[in-house]
Each structure stands twice: as structure tokens, then as C-alpha cells.
Protein backbone atom coordinates (compact mmCIF):
# COMPACT_ATOMS: atom_id res chain seq x y z
CA MET A 1 -86.08 -137.23 -6.05
CA THR A 2 -83.48 -139.18 -8.01
CA ASP A 3 -80.15 -138.22 -7.61
CA LEU A 4 -78.61 -137.19 -10.80
CA HIS A 5 -74.86 -137.52 -11.64
CA GLY A 6 -72.72 -135.17 -13.76
CA PHE A 7 -73.52 -131.71 -14.54
CA ALA A 8 -75.81 -129.44 -16.61
CA ASP A 9 -74.52 -125.89 -17.08
CA GLU A 10 -76.62 -122.78 -16.17
CA GLY A 11 -79.36 -122.36 -18.50
CA PHE A 12 -79.75 -126.02 -19.20
CA GLY A 13 -81.61 -126.97 -15.92
CA SER A 14 -85.01 -127.80 -17.88
CA VAL A 15 -83.24 -130.64 -19.43
CA ALA A 16 -82.01 -131.80 -16.09
CA ASP A 17 -85.37 -131.63 -14.79
CA ALA A 18 -86.84 -133.64 -17.62
CA PHE A 19 -84.18 -136.35 -17.44
CA ARG A 20 -84.74 -136.41 -13.60
CA ALA A 21 -88.82 -136.67 -14.11
CA HIS A 22 -88.21 -139.83 -16.13
CA PHE A 23 -86.75 -141.69 -13.12
CA ASP A 24 -89.12 -140.19 -10.59
CA HIS A 25 -92.04 -141.44 -12.93
CA GLY A 26 -90.43 -145.12 -13.12
CA LEU A 27 -89.98 -144.68 -16.65
CA GLU A 28 -85.97 -145.43 -16.52
CA THR A 29 -83.79 -148.11 -15.46
CA GLY A 30 -80.70 -146.37 -16.12
CA ALA A 31 -79.67 -143.68 -18.84
CA ALA A 32 -77.62 -140.77 -19.83
CA VAL A 33 -77.96 -137.65 -21.65
CA ALA A 34 -75.30 -135.40 -23.08
CA VAL A 35 -75.32 -132.09 -25.24
CA TYR A 36 -72.23 -130.22 -26.91
CA HIS A 37 -73.12 -126.55 -27.70
CA HIS A 38 -70.69 -124.52 -29.82
CA GLY A 39 -68.25 -127.36 -29.43
CA ARG A 40 -68.43 -127.12 -25.45
CA LEU A 41 -69.92 -129.95 -23.19
CA VAL A 42 -72.89 -128.26 -21.61
CA ILE A 43 -75.00 -131.22 -20.18
CA ASP A 44 -73.37 -134.58 -19.16
CA LEU A 45 -75.89 -136.57 -16.93
CA HIS A 46 -76.65 -139.95 -15.86
CA ALA A 47 -78.57 -141.74 -13.38
CA GLY A 48 -80.14 -144.96 -12.27
CA LEU A 49 -78.99 -148.79 -12.96
CA ALA A 50 -76.67 -150.18 -15.62
CA ASP A 51 -77.77 -153.55 -14.37
CA ALA A 52 -81.30 -154.14 -12.76
CA THR A 53 -80.40 -157.72 -12.08
CA THR A 54 -77.26 -156.96 -9.86
CA GLY A 55 -78.10 -153.34 -8.82
CA ALA A 56 -74.74 -152.13 -10.69
CA PRO A 57 -75.07 -148.07 -10.98
CA TRP A 58 -74.75 -146.40 -14.14
CA THR A 59 -71.79 -144.52 -14.30
CA ARG A 60 -69.87 -142.22 -16.71
CA ASP A 61 -67.97 -145.03 -18.08
CA THR A 62 -71.21 -147.11 -18.62
CA LEU A 63 -71.80 -147.91 -22.55
CA ALA A 64 -75.10 -148.62 -24.04
CA VAL A 65 -76.46 -150.49 -27.30
CA MET A 66 -77.50 -147.85 -29.60
CA PHE A 67 -80.12 -149.93 -31.68
CA SER A 68 -80.94 -147.90 -34.91
CA ALA A 69 -79.22 -144.92 -33.89
CA THR A 70 -76.06 -146.83 -34.98
CA LYS A 71 -77.57 -146.16 -38.62
CA GLY A 72 -76.70 -142.54 -38.21
CA LEU A 73 -73.21 -143.15 -37.63
CA MET A 74 -73.13 -145.35 -40.90
CA ALA A 75 -74.77 -142.51 -42.58
CA LEU A 76 -71.84 -140.03 -41.27
CA CYS A 77 -69.20 -142.45 -42.68
CA GLY A 78 -70.95 -142.59 -45.91
CA TYR A 79 -70.91 -138.73 -46.27
CA LEU A 80 -67.07 -138.89 -45.23
CA ALA A 81 -66.25 -141.12 -47.56
CA GLN A 82 -68.02 -139.21 -50.33
CA GLN A 83 -66.12 -136.00 -49.30
CA ASP A 84 -62.88 -138.23 -49.79
CA GLY A 85 -63.82 -139.10 -53.19
CA LEU A 86 -64.48 -142.73 -52.51
CA LEU A 87 -68.00 -142.86 -53.51
CA ASP A 88 -70.86 -140.89 -55.10
CA PHE A 89 -74.36 -141.38 -53.55
CA ASP A 90 -76.07 -140.92 -56.97
CA THR A 91 -74.25 -143.60 -58.69
CA PRO A 92 -75.47 -147.48 -59.11
CA VAL A 93 -74.47 -149.79 -56.29
CA THR A 94 -72.72 -151.79 -58.88
CA THR A 95 -70.06 -149.34 -59.70
CA LEU A 96 -68.44 -150.68 -56.14
CA TRP A 97 -70.27 -153.86 -55.59
CA PRO A 98 -70.82 -155.75 -59.02
CA GLU A 99 -72.25 -158.67 -57.43
CA TYR A 100 -75.10 -156.89 -56.18
CA GLY A 101 -76.72 -156.39 -59.68
CA ALA A 102 -78.84 -159.32 -59.83
CA HIS A 103 -82.41 -160.25 -59.35
CA GLY A 104 -83.82 -156.88 -60.27
CA LYS A 105 -81.28 -154.81 -57.99
CA GLU A 106 -79.21 -153.69 -60.95
CA ALA A 107 -80.36 -150.22 -61.14
CA THR A 108 -80.34 -149.34 -57.48
CA THR A 109 -78.42 -146.41 -56.76
CA ILE A 110 -75.95 -145.97 -53.45
CA ARG A 111 -78.43 -143.26 -52.31
CA ASP A 112 -81.41 -145.64 -52.70
CA VAL A 113 -79.68 -147.72 -50.29
CA PHE A 114 -78.83 -144.93 -47.72
CA CYS A 115 -82.62 -143.66 -48.16
CA HIS A 116 -84.28 -146.97 -47.30
CA ARG A 117 -85.46 -147.28 -51.23
CA ALA A 118 -83.47 -150.41 -52.02
CA GLY A 119 -86.07 -152.82 -51.43
CA VAL A 120 -84.26 -155.42 -49.72
CA VAL A 121 -86.16 -155.22 -46.44
CA ALA A 122 -85.71 -158.89 -45.58
CA LEU A 123 -83.42 -161.69 -46.87
CA ASP A 124 -84.53 -164.85 -48.90
CA THR A 125 -81.89 -166.88 -46.99
CA GLU A 126 -81.81 -168.17 -43.42
CA LEU A 127 -78.83 -167.05 -41.38
CA THR A 128 -76.81 -168.37 -38.22
CA LEU A 129 -74.88 -166.27 -35.69
CA ALA A 130 -71.77 -167.82 -37.39
CA ASP A 131 -72.92 -166.17 -40.50
CA LEU A 132 -73.29 -162.72 -38.73
CA THR A 133 -69.71 -163.02 -37.45
CA ARG A 134 -68.26 -163.93 -40.81
CA TRP A 135 -69.65 -160.93 -42.40
CA THR A 136 -69.56 -162.47 -46.19
CA PRO A 137 -72.20 -165.04 -45.77
CA VAL A 138 -74.70 -162.23 -45.05
CA ILE A 139 -73.29 -160.11 -48.04
CA THR A 140 -73.99 -163.30 -50.20
CA ALA A 141 -77.62 -163.45 -49.08
CA ILE A 142 -78.04 -160.00 -49.97
CA GLU A 143 -76.84 -160.64 -53.39
CA ASN A 144 -79.23 -163.59 -53.80
CA THR A 145 -82.18 -161.71 -52.73
CA ARG A 146 -84.82 -160.46 -54.84
CA PRO A 147 -86.07 -156.99 -53.65
CA GLN A 148 -89.56 -156.99 -52.13
CA PHE A 149 -90.30 -153.81 -54.22
CA THR A 150 -88.62 -152.23 -57.39
CA PRO A 151 -85.76 -150.05 -56.00
CA GLY A 152 -86.20 -146.50 -56.10
CA THR A 153 -89.95 -146.26 -56.46
CA THR A 154 -90.88 -146.14 -53.00
CA PHE A 155 -89.22 -146.44 -49.54
CA ALA A 156 -89.74 -148.97 -46.47
CA TYR A 157 -87.74 -148.94 -43.46
CA HIS A 158 -84.90 -151.41 -43.63
CA PRO A 159 -84.39 -152.43 -40.11
CA LEU A 160 -81.20 -154.65 -40.33
CA THR A 161 -80.39 -155.06 -43.96
CA TYR A 162 -79.70 -151.22 -43.82
CA GLY A 163 -76.32 -152.08 -42.07
CA TRP A 164 -75.01 -154.62 -44.17
CA LEU A 165 -76.16 -152.96 -47.46
CA THR A 166 -74.48 -149.71 -46.43
CA GLY A 167 -71.36 -151.40 -44.80
CA GLU A 168 -70.55 -153.42 -47.77
CA ILE A 169 -70.93 -150.36 -49.94
CA LEU A 170 -68.46 -148.62 -47.75
CA ARG A 171 -66.20 -151.63 -47.22
CA ARG A 172 -65.75 -151.82 -51.26
CA ALA A 173 -64.98 -147.92 -51.10
CA THR A 174 -62.49 -147.80 -48.17
CA GLY A 175 -61.37 -151.34 -47.77
CA LYS A 176 -62.71 -151.20 -44.06
CA LEU A 177 -65.46 -153.12 -42.51
CA PRO A 178 -67.83 -150.90 -40.37
CA GLY A 179 -66.32 -151.50 -36.97
CA ALA A 180 -62.76 -150.11 -38.48
CA LEU A 181 -64.58 -147.62 -40.53
CA LEU A 182 -66.21 -146.34 -37.27
CA GLU A 183 -62.76 -146.03 -35.80
CA HIS A 184 -61.22 -144.56 -38.74
CA TYR A 185 -63.56 -141.73 -39.36
CA LEU A 186 -65.20 -140.67 -36.00
CA ALA A 187 -63.75 -142.71 -32.74
CA ALA A 188 -60.12 -142.27 -33.16
CA PRO A 189 -60.14 -138.76 -34.68
CA LEU A 190 -62.44 -137.53 -31.81
CA ALA A 191 -61.02 -139.79 -29.01
CA ALA A 192 -64.81 -141.24 -28.83
CA GLN A 193 -65.40 -144.37 -27.46
CA ALA A 194 -67.87 -146.02 -29.94
CA TRP A 195 -67.88 -149.50 -31.39
CA ILE A 196 -69.62 -151.49 -33.94
CA GLY A 197 -68.60 -154.88 -32.75
CA VAL A 198 -67.03 -154.62 -29.23
CA PRO A 199 -63.70 -156.21 -28.10
CA ASP A 200 -63.97 -158.71 -24.93
CA HIS A 201 -62.38 -156.01 -22.65
CA VAL A 202 -65.23 -153.46 -23.18
CA GLN A 203 -68.25 -155.91 -22.87
CA PRO A 204 -68.47 -155.82 -18.82
CA ARG A 205 -69.15 -151.97 -19.17
CA VAL A 206 -72.12 -152.49 -21.47
CA ALA A 207 -75.59 -151.59 -19.66
CA ARG A 208 -77.82 -154.55 -19.61
CA ILE A 209 -81.08 -153.87 -21.41
CA THR A 210 -84.57 -154.30 -19.55
CA PRO A 211 -87.32 -155.60 -21.60
CA ALA A 212 -90.29 -153.48 -22.10
CA PRO A 213 -93.20 -153.59 -19.88
CA ALA A 214 -96.25 -155.59 -21.02
CA ASP A 215 -98.61 -153.74 -22.91
CA THR A 216 -102.34 -155.18 -22.88
CA SER A 217 -103.97 -152.31 -24.41
CA SER A 218 -106.22 -152.30 -27.46
CA GLN A 219 -103.95 -150.12 -29.21
CA ALA A 220 -100.88 -152.66 -28.72
CA ALA A 221 -103.35 -155.37 -29.75
CA GLU A 222 -104.16 -153.69 -33.17
CA LEU A 223 -100.49 -153.09 -33.65
CA MET A 224 -99.62 -157.00 -33.10
CA ARG A 225 -102.47 -157.86 -35.50
CA LYS A 226 -101.11 -155.52 -38.29
CA VAL A 227 -97.41 -157.03 -37.57
CA LEU A 228 -98.72 -160.47 -37.74
CA ALA A 229 -100.19 -159.97 -41.24
CA MET A 230 -96.67 -158.73 -42.63
CA PRO A 231 -94.59 -161.82 -42.54
CA THR A 232 -91.73 -159.90 -44.62
CA PHE A 233 -91.55 -157.21 -41.90
CA ILE A 234 -91.25 -159.96 -39.31
CA ARG A 235 -88.61 -161.58 -41.34
CA ALA A 236 -86.93 -157.96 -41.39
CA VAL A 237 -86.70 -157.52 -37.90
CA THR A 238 -85.85 -160.94 -36.92
CA LEU A 239 -83.37 -161.95 -39.66
CA GLY A 240 -85.85 -164.69 -40.57
CA GLY A 241 -86.18 -165.89 -36.92
CA LEU A 242 -82.72 -165.70 -35.85
CA LEU A 243 -83.38 -162.74 -33.55
CA PRO A 244 -86.15 -162.12 -31.11
CA ALA A 245 -88.80 -159.94 -32.43
CA ARG A 246 -88.98 -158.22 -28.89
CA LEU A 247 -85.27 -157.52 -28.87
CA ILE A 248 -84.80 -158.87 -25.23
CA ASP A 249 -86.25 -162.47 -24.69
CA PRO A 250 -85.24 -163.63 -21.08
CA GLY A 251 -85.73 -167.32 -22.52
CA SER A 252 -83.14 -166.75 -25.29
CA THR A 253 -79.38 -166.93 -25.31
CA LEU A 254 -79.22 -164.54 -28.32
CA ASP A 255 -80.66 -161.27 -28.09
CA PHE A 256 -79.50 -157.78 -27.51
CA ASN A 257 -78.10 -158.63 -24.21
CA SER A 258 -75.97 -161.23 -25.68
CA PRO A 259 -72.22 -160.69 -25.67
CA ALA A 260 -72.07 -162.85 -28.88
CA LEU A 261 -74.31 -160.39 -30.43
CA HIS A 262 -72.31 -157.25 -28.99
CA ALA A 263 -69.17 -158.76 -30.65
CA ALA A 264 -70.52 -159.15 -34.19
CA GLN A 265 -70.87 -156.45 -36.59
CA ILE A 266 -74.45 -155.59 -37.14
CA PRO A 267 -74.14 -151.95 -38.30
CA ALA A 268 -77.82 -151.02 -38.31
CA ALA A 269 -78.31 -151.92 -34.61
CA ASN A 270 -75.61 -153.08 -32.20
CA GLY A 271 -73.48 -149.99 -32.10
CA ILE A 272 -72.27 -149.36 -28.53
CA THR A 273 -70.98 -146.06 -26.91
CA ALA A 274 -71.69 -143.58 -24.14
CA ALA A 275 -73.99 -140.72 -24.60
CA GLY A 276 -71.17 -138.19 -24.12
CA ASP A 277 -69.36 -139.74 -27.00
CA LEU A 278 -72.15 -139.90 -29.32
CA ALA A 279 -72.97 -136.12 -28.65
CA ARG A 280 -69.43 -135.22 -29.40
CA ILE A 281 -69.58 -137.20 -32.65
CA TYR A 282 -72.80 -135.25 -33.76
CA SER A 283 -71.41 -131.94 -32.39
CA ALA A 284 -68.22 -132.39 -34.33
CA ALA A 285 -70.15 -133.20 -37.68
CA VAL A 286 -71.51 -129.64 -37.68
CA THR A 287 -69.43 -127.07 -35.50
CA PRO A 288 -65.82 -126.95 -34.21
CA THR A 289 -65.55 -129.19 -31.48
CA ASP A 290 -62.17 -130.11 -29.47
CA GLY A 291 -60.31 -127.72 -31.53
CA ARG A 292 -61.25 -129.53 -34.96
CA THR A 293 -62.89 -128.02 -38.01
CA PRO A 294 -66.62 -129.52 -38.47
CA LEU A 295 -66.21 -133.04 -40.12
CA LEU A 296 -68.84 -132.40 -42.78
CA THR A 297 -68.90 -129.61 -45.43
CA LYS A 298 -71.48 -127.03 -45.97
CA GLU A 299 -72.77 -128.98 -48.73
CA SER A 300 -72.73 -132.34 -47.05
CA ILE A 301 -74.82 -130.74 -44.18
CA THR A 302 -77.41 -129.45 -46.70
CA ASP A 303 -77.63 -132.60 -48.40
CA ALA A 304 -78.13 -134.43 -44.89
CA CYS A 305 -80.89 -132.25 -44.15
CA THR A 306 -82.78 -132.87 -47.52
CA VAL A 307 -85.70 -134.94 -47.44
CA ARG A 308 -85.22 -138.06 -49.83
CA SER A 309 -88.05 -140.54 -48.69
CA HIS A 310 -91.25 -139.37 -46.86
CA GLY A 311 -95.01 -140.06 -47.49
CA THR A 312 -96.54 -143.46 -47.84
CA SER A 313 -94.30 -146.21 -47.54
CA TRP A 314 -94.51 -149.85 -49.29
CA PRO A 315 -97.43 -151.67 -47.68
CA GLY A 316 -95.42 -154.68 -46.48
CA VAL A 317 -94.35 -152.95 -43.50
CA VAL A 318 -95.78 -150.92 -40.59
CA ALA A 319 -96.08 -147.48 -41.74
CA GLN A 320 -95.23 -144.59 -39.61
CA PRO A 321 -97.31 -141.64 -40.71
CA GLY A 322 -95.08 -138.35 -41.35
CA ILE A 323 -92.01 -140.21 -41.33
CA ARG A 324 -88.96 -138.25 -43.16
CA TYR A 325 -85.65 -139.31 -44.22
CA SER A 326 -82.64 -137.80 -45.63
CA THR A 327 -79.74 -139.82 -47.24
CA GLY A 328 -79.47 -142.10 -44.02
CA PHE A 329 -80.76 -139.81 -41.28
CA LEU A 330 -84.15 -139.04 -39.62
CA LEU A 331 -85.23 -135.58 -39.92
CA ASN A 332 -87.34 -133.10 -38.18
CA GLY A 333 -91.06 -132.95 -38.96
CA PHE A 334 -91.82 -136.66 -37.85
CA PRO A 335 -94.84 -136.13 -35.58
CA ALA A 336 -93.59 -139.07 -33.26
CA ARG A 337 -89.92 -138.00 -33.18
CA PRO A 338 -89.68 -134.09 -33.44
CA LEU A 339 -86.08 -133.04 -33.51
CA LEU A 340 -84.77 -129.63 -32.72
CA SER A 341 -85.29 -127.98 -35.88
CA ASP A 342 -85.40 -128.29 -39.86
CA THR A 343 -81.60 -128.11 -39.59
CA SER A 344 -81.37 -131.04 -37.18
CA PHE A 345 -80.46 -134.64 -38.72
CA GLY A 346 -79.54 -137.97 -36.70
CA HIS A 347 -81.38 -141.13 -35.74
CA ASP A 348 -83.30 -142.80 -32.84
CA GLY A 349 -83.44 -146.32 -31.77
CA ALA A 350 -85.75 -148.97 -30.52
CA ASN A 351 -84.90 -148.45 -27.05
CA GLY A 352 -86.22 -144.74 -27.30
CA GLY A 353 -82.63 -143.29 -27.28
CA LEU A 354 -82.03 -140.55 -30.00
CA ALA A 355 -79.04 -138.64 -31.24
CA PHE A 356 -78.85 -135.78 -33.80
CA ALA A 357 -76.90 -132.66 -34.97
CA ASP A 358 -78.28 -128.99 -35.53
CA SER A 359 -76.15 -127.00 -37.71
CA ASP A 360 -78.04 -123.77 -36.96
CA ALA A 361 -77.91 -124.39 -33.22
CA HIS A 362 -74.40 -125.66 -33.38
CA LEU A 363 -75.28 -128.55 -31.43
CA GLY A 364 -74.99 -132.39 -30.65
CA PHE A 365 -77.47 -134.20 -28.50
CA ALA A 366 -77.36 -137.89 -27.26
CA TYR A 367 -79.74 -139.77 -25.04
CA LEU A 368 -79.03 -143.31 -24.38
CA ASN A 369 -80.69 -145.92 -21.82
CA ASN A 370 -81.42 -149.40 -21.15
CA GLN A 371 -85.15 -149.64 -20.67
CA LEU A 372 -86.92 -150.74 -23.65
CA PRO A 373 -90.15 -148.51 -23.98
CA PRO A 374 -93.86 -149.13 -24.04
CA MET A 375 -95.54 -148.06 -27.28
CA ASP A 376 -96.13 -144.43 -26.27
CA ASP A 377 -92.69 -143.69 -25.53
CA GLU A 378 -92.06 -139.65 -24.87
CA ARG A 379 -88.65 -139.68 -23.20
CA ALA A 380 -86.49 -138.43 -25.96
CA ASN A 381 -89.27 -136.06 -26.97
CA ARG A 382 -89.37 -134.56 -23.57
CA LEU A 383 -85.73 -134.03 -23.56
CA THR A 384 -85.71 -132.30 -26.92
CA ARG A 385 -88.58 -130.14 -26.04
CA ALA A 386 -86.69 -129.15 -22.71
CA LEU A 387 -83.52 -128.45 -24.89
CA ARG A 388 -85.52 -126.16 -27.32
CA HIS A 389 -87.01 -124.24 -24.28
CA ALA A 390 -83.47 -123.59 -22.66
CA LEU A 391 -82.00 -122.61 -26.26
CA ASP A 392 -84.72 -120.25 -26.65
CA ARG A 393 -84.07 -118.61 -23.48
CA LEU A 394 -80.27 -118.37 -23.53
């Protein structure tokens, strides 16, 4: 059996068992899971390898790329900025960002952006790595892009543009780029290690991502056929071909194992943290944690659990039946990614990782790994199912 490191408090053994089983069945390279309950760390486990190429073990200090779980942190920053009176989700984007109001984007609200209803799924401009590191060229490209559908009329997941859209709105509101904003609102107050754009001294602690196993099934072939028939979606997930569609490309010098990509600010996808820190952030959002009052007001928590986008999405993307979003968060009720309850809100990522808060359970959960999954990945679902079982028995 796989050796687990860390601890799970009495009553939470089912989560430890589910976590161990992933390694015993060859589903993980390295991973960590953490849970805060009523503001107290009750699960803090890690196992496996941080780097399969060198054999370096995953330790408590190992950090991982969050992929789209980063979006949840941007949404938290959005709510905190609104609570500070710096923005209003229901006002036009142009109240903060006048240059955005061009090419059919004039009436877009800030909430439309956070709810994946902005219509700017992909950009019209070709970008370079230098563009990503300078921020402004990406923002200019967004301003010059014509939306793929009329903003506010439907929704489509914005894989990468979400980060720059929300990031520029928040920069205009607070004066801070996403990395500094994350530090100001979440990392520094909670003594949490979390970055959007890691400094050089942090890079050696970032786990190396292992590519997904090859999938030759008919289901995978059908999905690939659908994706190839959606050029806008391909542009969306690759930034027009700058990034590899499979996230990790052993033949590329620029993928999600690249230090250059880790150092850039890509606030929809390249946040880097540890599971314990991410769980603490979500716990602190909804329940007293480390002696602090909750970050979010009751009104913000209610809003964060309110469905804003659901049902059939714009046909230019691969639809995920049943997916439900609030203002920036994935919600419970999505069959492919059930959370703890209808008072859960958070976000998952392309590595199969997941983080969320649950206000009724007074809980913060985070699971991170460095093994890209096959299509039928159930790792996070097994962990949340085991957690639900444990809480029911407490």
C-alpha cells in the first residue's frame, strides 16, 4: 500500500482511504488533499512524486499548478473588491474600463464577465509569450476583439480570457494586477502560499506535471472530432496556438511545466499553491479560520451560491451538460463534478484538481495533483464523496 504523509483526524479516515486508493490503482503521480472544518485543519495528506523524471518526492512544501481552480481565487477577489465598494457586479464593464466598450461589447456587465457570459471566448489577435508577460498587449487584444456572441444572452466557458477580463476589471478597480491582488486580499492576510506569477525562488518547489495517458477509445475519438469542428474553441484553449492544446507537450518549450509560463500572470489558469493553503483560503471565505472573521459577508456567500449560468451554452464550444456557474464559481449540481452540497462554491481544474468552500458545513476543501487525467477522471469526486460520508457520520 502507498505510504501517506501527513494526517487525517479521527472520523475522516474515509477520505484518507480514498486518497490512498488513487495511488494504489496507479491514478496519481503526486498529490495532496487538505480540509479545514470549523476553521481547524482536519486533513493534511500528501503522497507520491513531485517529479516523476527525477524521483523527487511530494512533500508538504510542494506546490502545484491549479489550472482553472485559479478562477475561483479571482472570483473571491472580485467579491472582496465589491465588499470594499470598489466595484459593482451589476454595472457595465465600461464604468471601470471605458476602452472595453467597442465592437459590440458596450453593454457587457461585470457580472457577465464573471459568469462566462461576456462572449469573448477567444481573441482575434495573435499573441506571444512576451505579450503575456507585459499584460497590456493582452488587454489591448481583448479591447479589439469582437465577441463571439451577444454578451449576456447565453454563456460559454472562457478558458483563458476569463483571467485577463476579470483581472483587468479588478486592476482598474483596485490598482493591483492579479498577483498583487491575490497577495493583498488572500495570501498575506491568511499567511497562505499562493501566487499568480511565481517568483524565481519559488519555482524549484513547483511539481512537474505528468502528461495524460493516451486514450484511444471511441469516446475520446468522438470528443476530438467535435473539438476539431470548433475552431473558436481551439483558439480559446491555446490562445491562438501559442499554448499546447494538451497543456503538456514534451516537444514544446512553452507549456504548463515551463518556468516562463509559471512566472507570467495568466489568472485563469496558472495560479500556484499548496493544498493546505488553498483549503485555508476557502475555509476563511465562509467560516472563522485562524482567529479571523469570515472574508465574505452573508450576502456575498448567498450570491456566490446563486446560479447565473446553466443549461445549454453557446454552440461554438464543447458543451458540458448540466454545468452550473454562479458569479465566478462552479456550483453543486453539475453531474460530472458534484460538490458537497448546494451551499458549496469553488472551481476545478484541468488536472482534475478541485477546491471549494461549503458555508453550511463550515468547510474548505482542496485537492491538487500533477497527473493530467484521462477523460473519465473521478479522483476529486471520490474524495468529495468520502468527505460527505465522513461528515454524515460525525
